[in-house]
């Protein structure tokens, strides 16, 4: 492999890693903070993509589309939360119900078509702020834009989690009784967390659709596995680096995950084996996390 090919593949890994890292940050909130296995991610990811295709084809500003996609994903997350908190449906089943409903919603948005293309339309990668980049950086505009968006989402989540409301959200997952003692409803905080998580997921799907200039309602299959693997890999690998925040670890985990998949493809693994590899990577990440946790507990007892 030549140096130019290696650099090209590295840019692809980073670009996709940052895009899926936005989704991983959202899943970190639902899975790690709230301890909520949210399967609605498989429905809200294509929701963002479908909205991007429909709205951009209608001439809507692509940056406005990103905001709309986040809001739509947040609304779907609220539905998941309401099903669980207000109707008492289990967390897994609530996610499955919303994921199933999103299939029809996405199909309706796409006018009954499974795929919608919007080539030669304005996207965040060819219009607006990206045009201010120097000529030398313009060929790398896609990587630069997704990195900046991922950084913006990370900083926003870091700020939110440090606020009083963010601390209540974190407490809702760790100790709901503490939240009740503060005269706050932990169920409401769960709904907020699910809204943020699915909003990030839909935003990720929206950005990927604008990158590819097409949307596919099947693009959400396996997204929850990818996001969970990214979160668990990131925390397992970087948990000893205390200067990294957990949302940062989620992004880095997403990049590592995409690097593993890319390496497997370069070694000749057929595309039909990718889903199997995704499951294997997730299994390895979960086992590694448990081993690290046991090791830390054992070391703490000895000390």
Protein backbone atom coordinates (compact mmCIF):
# COMPACT_ATOMS: atom_id res chain seq x y z
CA UNK A 1 0.00 0.00 0.00
CA UNK A 2 1.39 3.39 -1.01
CA UNK A 3 1.64 6.36 1.33
CA UNK A 4 -1.09 8.22 -0.55
CA UNK A 5 -3.45 5.24 -0.26
CA UNK A 6 -2.73 4.95 3.46
CA UNK A 7 -3.42 8.64 3.99
CA UNK A 8 -6.62 8.33 1.97
CA UNK A 9 -7.84 5.42 4.07
CA UNK A 10 -6.88 7.25 7.26
CA UNK A 11 -8.96 10.24 6.20
CA UNK A 12 -11.93 7.96 5.48
CA UNK A 13 -11.63 6.32 8.90
CA UNK A 14 -11.41 9.67 10.67
CA UNK A 15 -14.27 11.14 8.66
CA UNK A 16 -16.63 8.27 9.36
CA UNK A 17 -15.34 7.92 12.91
CA UNK A 18 -16.28 11.52 13.71
CA UNK A 19 -19.73 11.15 12.12
CA UNK A 20 -20.56 7.96 13.99
CA UNK A 21 -18.84 9.46 17.04
CA UNK A 22 -21.70 11.96 17.29
CA UNK A 23 -24.09 9.03 17.56
CA UNK A 24 -21.77 7.31 20.04
CA UNK A 25 -21.86 10.38 22.30
CA UNK A 26 -25.64 10.20 22.33
CA UNK A 27 -25.62 6.48 23.09
CA UNK A 28 -23.11 7.10 25.89
CA UNK A 29 -25.78 9.19 27.61
CA UNK A 30 -28.50 6.57 27.29
CA UNK A 31 -26.40 3.44 27.84
CA UNK A 32 -23.72 4.53 30.31
CA UNK A 33 -25.38 7.36 32.20
CA UNK A 34 -29.01 6.21 32.23
CA UNK A 35 -28.30 2.46 31.94
CA UNK A 36 -31.00 2.37 29.25
CA UNK A 37 -30.46 -0.03 26.30
CA UNK A 38 -32.08 2.20 23.69
CA UNK A 39 -32.87 0.27 20.50
CA UNK A 40 -34.74 3.22 18.99
CA UNK A 41 -31.30 4.34 17.72
CA UNK A 42 -31.77 2.01 14.75
CA UNK A 43 -34.82 4.09 13.79
CA UNK A 44 -33.68 7.62 14.59
CA UNK A 45 -30.43 7.32 12.63
CA UNK A 46 -32.23 6.86 9.28
CA UNK A 47 -34.78 9.45 10.42
CA UNK A 48 -32.05 12.08 10.28
CA UNK A 49 -30.92 10.82 6.88
CA UNK A 50 -34.44 10.81 5.43
CA UNK A 51 -35.11 14.33 6.67
CA UNK A 52 -31.85 15.47 5.08
CA UNK A 53 -32.84 14.01 1.72
CA UNK A 54 -36.37 15.38 1.73
CA UNK A 55 -35.61 18.86 3.06
CA UNK A 56 -32.44 19.47 1.06
CA UNK A 57 -34.22 18.33 -2.12
CA UNK A 58 -36.89 20.91 -1.25
CA UNK A 59 -34.24 23.64 -1.11
CA UNK A 60 -33.97 24.05 2.68
CA UNK A 61 -30.65 25.34 4.04
CA UNK A 62 -28.53 22.26 4.97
CA UNK A 63 -27.55 23.75 8.36
CA UNK A 64 -31.20 24.30 9.19
CA UNK A 65 -31.79 20.69 8.16
CA UNK A 66 -29.24 19.56 10.76
CA UNK A 67 -31.17 21.41 13.47
CA UNK A 68 -34.47 19.94 12.28
CA UNK A 69 -32.95 16.43 12.25
CA UNK A 70 -31.71 16.84 15.83
CA UNK A 71 -35.14 18.08 16.94
CA UNK A 72 -36.92 15.20 15.19
CA UNK A 73 -34.58 12.64 16.77
CA UNK A 74 -35.11 14.27 20.16
CA UNK A 75 -38.88 14.01 19.69
CA UNK A 76 -38.56 10.30 18.89
CA UNK A 77 -36.40 9.88 22.01
CA UNK A 78 -39.10 11.58 24.05
CA UNK A 79 -41.62 9.04 22.76
CA UNK A 80 -39.32 6.21 23.88
CA UNK A 81 -39.02 7.85 27.28
CA UNK A 82 -42.76 8.43 27.63
CA UNK A 83 -43.53 4.81 26.75
CA UNK A 84 -41.11 3.67 29.44
CA UNK A 85 -41.72 6.26 32.17
CA UNK A 86 -45.41 7.07 31.81
CA UNK A 87 -46.80 3.79 30.46
CA UNK A 88 -44.48 1.47 32.35
CA UNK A 89 -43.25 -0.40 29.26
CA UNK A 90 -39.80 -1.98 29.69
CA UNK A 91 -36.80 -0.12 28.31
CA UNK A 92 -36.01 -2.71 25.62
CA UNK A 93 -39.59 -2.95 24.42
CA UNK A 94 -40.00 0.85 24.38
CA UNK A 95 -37.00 1.15 22.08
CA UNK A 96 -38.25 -1.66 19.84
CA UNK A 97 -41.68 -0.03 19.52
CA UNK A 98 -40.21 3.32 18.48
CA UNK A 99 -37.68 1.68 16.16
CA UNK A 100 -40.51 -0.22 14.44
CA UNK A 101 -42.66 2.91 14.18
CA UNK A 102 -39.75 4.86 12.69
CA UNK A 103 -39.65 2.46 9.75
CA UNK A 104 -43.08 3.62 8.65
CA UNK A 105 -42.34 7.26 9.48
CA UNK A 106 -39.16 7.19 7.40
CA UNK A 107 -40.92 5.45 4.52
CA UNK A 108 -43.67 8.09 4.56
CA UNK A 109 -41.07 10.88 4.59
CA UNK A 110 -39.40 9.34 1.55
CA UNK A 111 -42.68 9.09 -0.35
CA UNK A 112 -42.70 5.32 -0.26
CA UNK A 113 -39.19 4.99 -1.70
CA UNK A 114 -36.42 3.20 0.18
CA UNK A 115 -33.64 5.37 -1.29
CA UNK A 116 -33.60 9.05 -2.17
CA UNK A 117 -30.69 10.85 -3.84
CA UNK A 118 -30.03 14.57 -3.84
CA UNK A 119 -26.92 15.04 -5.96
CA UNK A 120 -25.77 18.54 -6.95
CA UNK A 121 -27.70 20.13 -4.08
CA UNK A 122 -26.30 22.38 -1.35
CA UNK A 123 -24.99 20.49 1.67
CA UNK A 124 -22.87 21.47 4.65
CA UNK A 125 -19.86 20.18 2.68
CA UNK A 126 -20.16 22.46 -0.34
CA UNK A 127 -21.90 25.60 0.91
CA UNK A 128 -21.84 28.07 3.77
CA UNK A 129 -18.83 28.23 6.13
CA UNK A 130 -16.91 25.51 4.24
CA UNK A 131 -16.35 27.95 1.40
CA UNK A 132 -14.19 30.07 3.70
CA UNK A 133 -11.53 27.35 3.92
CA UNK A 134 -8.16 28.12 2.27
CA UNK A 135 -7.57 26.46 -1.08
CA UNK A 136 -5.01 24.09 0.44
CA UNK A 137 -7.51 22.75 2.97
CA UNK A 138 -10.56 22.65 0.71
CA UNK A 139 -9.88 19.09 -0.56
CA UNK A 140 -10.10 17.96 3.07
CA UNK A 141 -13.25 19.96 3.79
CA UNK A 142 -15.36 16.90 4.61
CA UNK A 143 -13.00 15.73 7.35
CA UNK A 144 -12.62 19.26 8.71
CA UNK A 145 -16.36 19.88 8.85
CA UNK A 146 -17.28 16.60 10.56
CA UNK A 147 -14.42 17.07 13.05
CA UNK A 148 -15.63 20.57 13.91
CA UNK A 149 -19.24 19.43 14.29
CA UNK A 150 -18.20 16.50 16.49
CA UNK A 151 -16.09 18.89 18.59
CA UNK A 152 -19.03 21.29 18.92
CA UNK A 153 -21.36 18.48 20.05
CA UNK A 154 -18.72 17.22 22.51
CA UNK A 155 -18.24 20.67 24.04
CA UNK A 156 -22.00 21.18 24.28
CA UNK A 157 -22.46 17.83 26.05
CA UNK A 158 -19.51 18.49 28.36
CA UNK A 159 -21.06 21.81 29.31
CA UNK A 160 -24.54 20.36 29.79
CA UNK A 161 -23.33 17.47 31.95
CA UNK A 162 -21.55 19.97 34.20
CA UNK A 163 -24.72 22.01 34.80
CA UNK A 164 -27.19 21.36 37.61
CA UNK A 165 -29.60 19.74 35.17
CA UNK A 166 -26.80 17.59 33.77
CA UNK A 167 -25.80 16.47 37.25
CA UNK A 168 -29.41 15.47 37.92
CA UNK A 169 -29.37 13.48 34.67
CA UNK A 170 -26.24 11.64 35.78
CA UNK A 171 -27.74 11.04 39.21
CA UNK A 172 -30.89 9.59 37.64
CA UNK A 173 -28.83 6.73 36.28
CA UNK A 174 -26.66 6.19 39.36
CA UNK A 175 -29.03 6.94 42.23
CA UNK A 176 -32.62 7.80 41.36
CA UNK A 177 -33.53 8.05 45.06
CA UNK A 178 -31.13 10.97 45.41
CA UNK A 179 -32.98 12.78 42.63
CA UNK A 180 -36.30 12.09 44.35
CA UNK A 181 -34.89 13.50 47.59
CA UNK A 182 -34.15 16.71 45.69
CA UNK A 183 -37.85 16.90 44.77
CA UNK A 184 -37.11 16.14 41.12
CA UNK A 185 -38.56 13.42 38.95
CA UNK A 186 -35.94 10.90 37.73
CA UNK A 187 -38.39 9.77 35.04
CA UNK A 188 -38.39 13.24 33.50
CA UNK A 189 -34.61 13.24 33.49
CA UNK A 190 -34.66 9.89 31.66
CA UNK A 191 -36.87 11.42 28.99
CA UNK A 192 -34.44 14.34 28.65
CA UNK A 193 -31.49 11.96 28.33
CA UNK A 194 -33.24 9.86 25.69
CA UNK A 195 -34.14 13.03 23.79
CA UNK A 196 -30.51 14.18 23.75
CA UNK A 197 -29.21 10.73 22.82
CA UNK A 198 -31.60 10.25 19.90
CA UNK A 199 -31.13 13.85 18.80
CA UNK A 200 -27.40 13.20 18.43
CA UNK A 201 -28.16 9.96 16.59
CA UNK A 202 -30.46 11.68 14.08
CA UNK A 203 -27.88 14.45 13.59
CA UNK A 204 -25.28 11.80 12.82
CA UNK A 205 -27.57 10.23 10.21
CA UNK A 206 -28.29 13.65 8.71
CA UNK A 207 -24.57 14.44 8.32
CA UNK A 208 -23.80 11.04 6.80
CA UNK A 209 -26.63 11.46 4.29
CA UNK A 210 -25.29 14.88 3.28
CA UNK A 211 -21.83 13.38 2.89
CA UNK A 212 -23.12 10.61 0.60
CA UNK A 213 -25.83 12.82 -0.96
CA UNK A 214 -28.41 10.09 -0.53
CA UNK A 215 -30.57 8.54 2.16
CA UNK A 216 -31.50 4.91 2.72
CA UNK A 217 -34.17 3.84 5.20
CA UNK A 218 -32.14 0.66 5.80
CA UNK A 219 -29.09 2.64 6.97
CA UNK A 220 -30.08 2.24 10.63
CA UNK A 221 -29.58 -1.52 10.76
CA UNK A 222 -26.84 -2.35 13.26
CA UNK A 223 -26.35 1.24 14.40
CA UNK A 224 -27.02 0.42 18.05
CA UNK A 225 -24.34 -2.30 17.91
CA UNK A 226 -21.87 0.11 16.31
CA UNK A 227 -22.59 2.84 18.83
CA UNK A 228 -22.39 0.52 21.85
CA UNK A 229 -19.13 -0.96 20.59
CA UNK A 230 -17.70 2.52 20.08
CA UNK A 231 -18.63 3.59 23.61
CA UNK A 232 -17.36 0.42 25.28
CA UNK A 233 -14.14 0.28 23.22
CA UNK A 234 -13.42 3.94 23.92
CA UNK A 235 -13.94 3.60 27.67
CA UNK A 236 -12.03 0.29 27.86
CA UNK A 237 -9.00 1.62 25.99
CA UNK A 238 -8.81 5.16 27.34
CA UNK A 239 -10.32 4.84 30.85
CA UNK A 240 -6.89 5.19 32.49
CA UNK A 241 -6.35 8.56 30.81
CA UNK A 242 -8.19 10.65 33.37
CA UNK A 243 -7.79 13.86 31.39
CA UNK A 244 -10.16 12.45 28.74
CA UNK A 245 -13.84 13.01 29.37
CA UNK A 246 -16.16 10.09 28.68
CA UNK A 247 -17.77 11.75 25.66
CA UNK A 248 -14.27 12.16 24.22
CA UNK A 249 -13.65 8.46 24.79
CA UNK A 250 -16.84 7.71 22.84
CA UNK A 251 -15.52 9.63 19.82
CA UNK A 252 -12.12 7.95 20.01
CA UNK A 253 -13.82 4.57 20.38
CA UNK A 254 -15.82 5.26 17.23
CA UNK A 255 -12.63 6.02 15.32
CA UNK A 256 -10.95 2.85 16.62
CA UNK A 257 -14.03 0.82 15.70
CA UNK A 258 -14.07 2.15 12.14
CA UNK A 259 -10.31 1.53 11.91
CA UNK A 260 -10.86 -2.13 12.85
CA UNK A 261 -13.53 -2.54 10.19
CA UNK A 262 -11.38 -0.81 7.58
CA UNK A 263 -8.39 -3.00 8.46
CA UNK A 264 -10.53 -6.12 8.09
CA UNK A 265 -11.73 -5.00 4.65
CA UNK A 266 -8.17 -4.24 3.55
CA UNK A 267 -7.15 -7.74 4.64
CA UNK A 268 -9.75 -9.18 2.29
CA UNK A 269 -12.76 -9.78 4.53
CA UNK A 270 -15.91 -9.93 2.33
CA UNK A 271 -18.58 -7.28 2.96
CA UNK A 272 -21.04 -10.02 3.88
CA UNK A 273 -19.00 -10.72 7.03
CA UNK A 274 -19.07 -7.13 8.33
CA UNK A 275 -22.15 -7.55 10.54
CA UNK A 276 -20.58 -10.65 12.07
CA UNK A 277 -17.38 -8.73 12.71
CA UNK A 278 -19.39 -5.91 14.31
CA UNK A 279 -20.95 -8.39 16.74
CA UNK A 280 -17.58 -9.96 17.52
CA UNK A 281 -16.02 -6.56 18.21
CA UNK A 282 -18.89 -5.63 20.53
CA UNK A 283 -18.58 -8.95 22.38
CA UNK A 284 -14.83 -8.46 22.80
CA UNK A 285 -15.37 -4.91 24.04
CA UNK A 286 -17.94 -6.01 26.64
CA UNK A 287 -15.70 -8.83 27.89
CA UNK A 288 -12.70 -6.49 28.02
CA UNK A 289 -14.69 -3.92 29.99
CA UNK A 290 -15.74 -6.54 32.54
CA UNK A 291 -12.19 -7.83 32.90
CA UNK A 292 -10.89 -4.30 33.44
CA UNK A 293 -13.61 -3.64 36.01
CA UNK A 294 -12.78 -6.83 37.93
CA UNK A 295 -9.08 -5.97 37.81
CA UNK A 296 -9.70 -2.51 39.22
CA UNK A 297 -11.88 -3.91 42.02
CA UNK A 298 -9.23 -6.51 42.86
CA UNK A 299 -6.50 -3.86 42.94
CA UNK A 300 -8.66 -1.64 45.15
CA UNK A 301 -9.21 -4.48 47.64
CA UNK A 302 -5.48 -5.22 47.81
CA UNK A 303 -4.64 -1.59 48.43
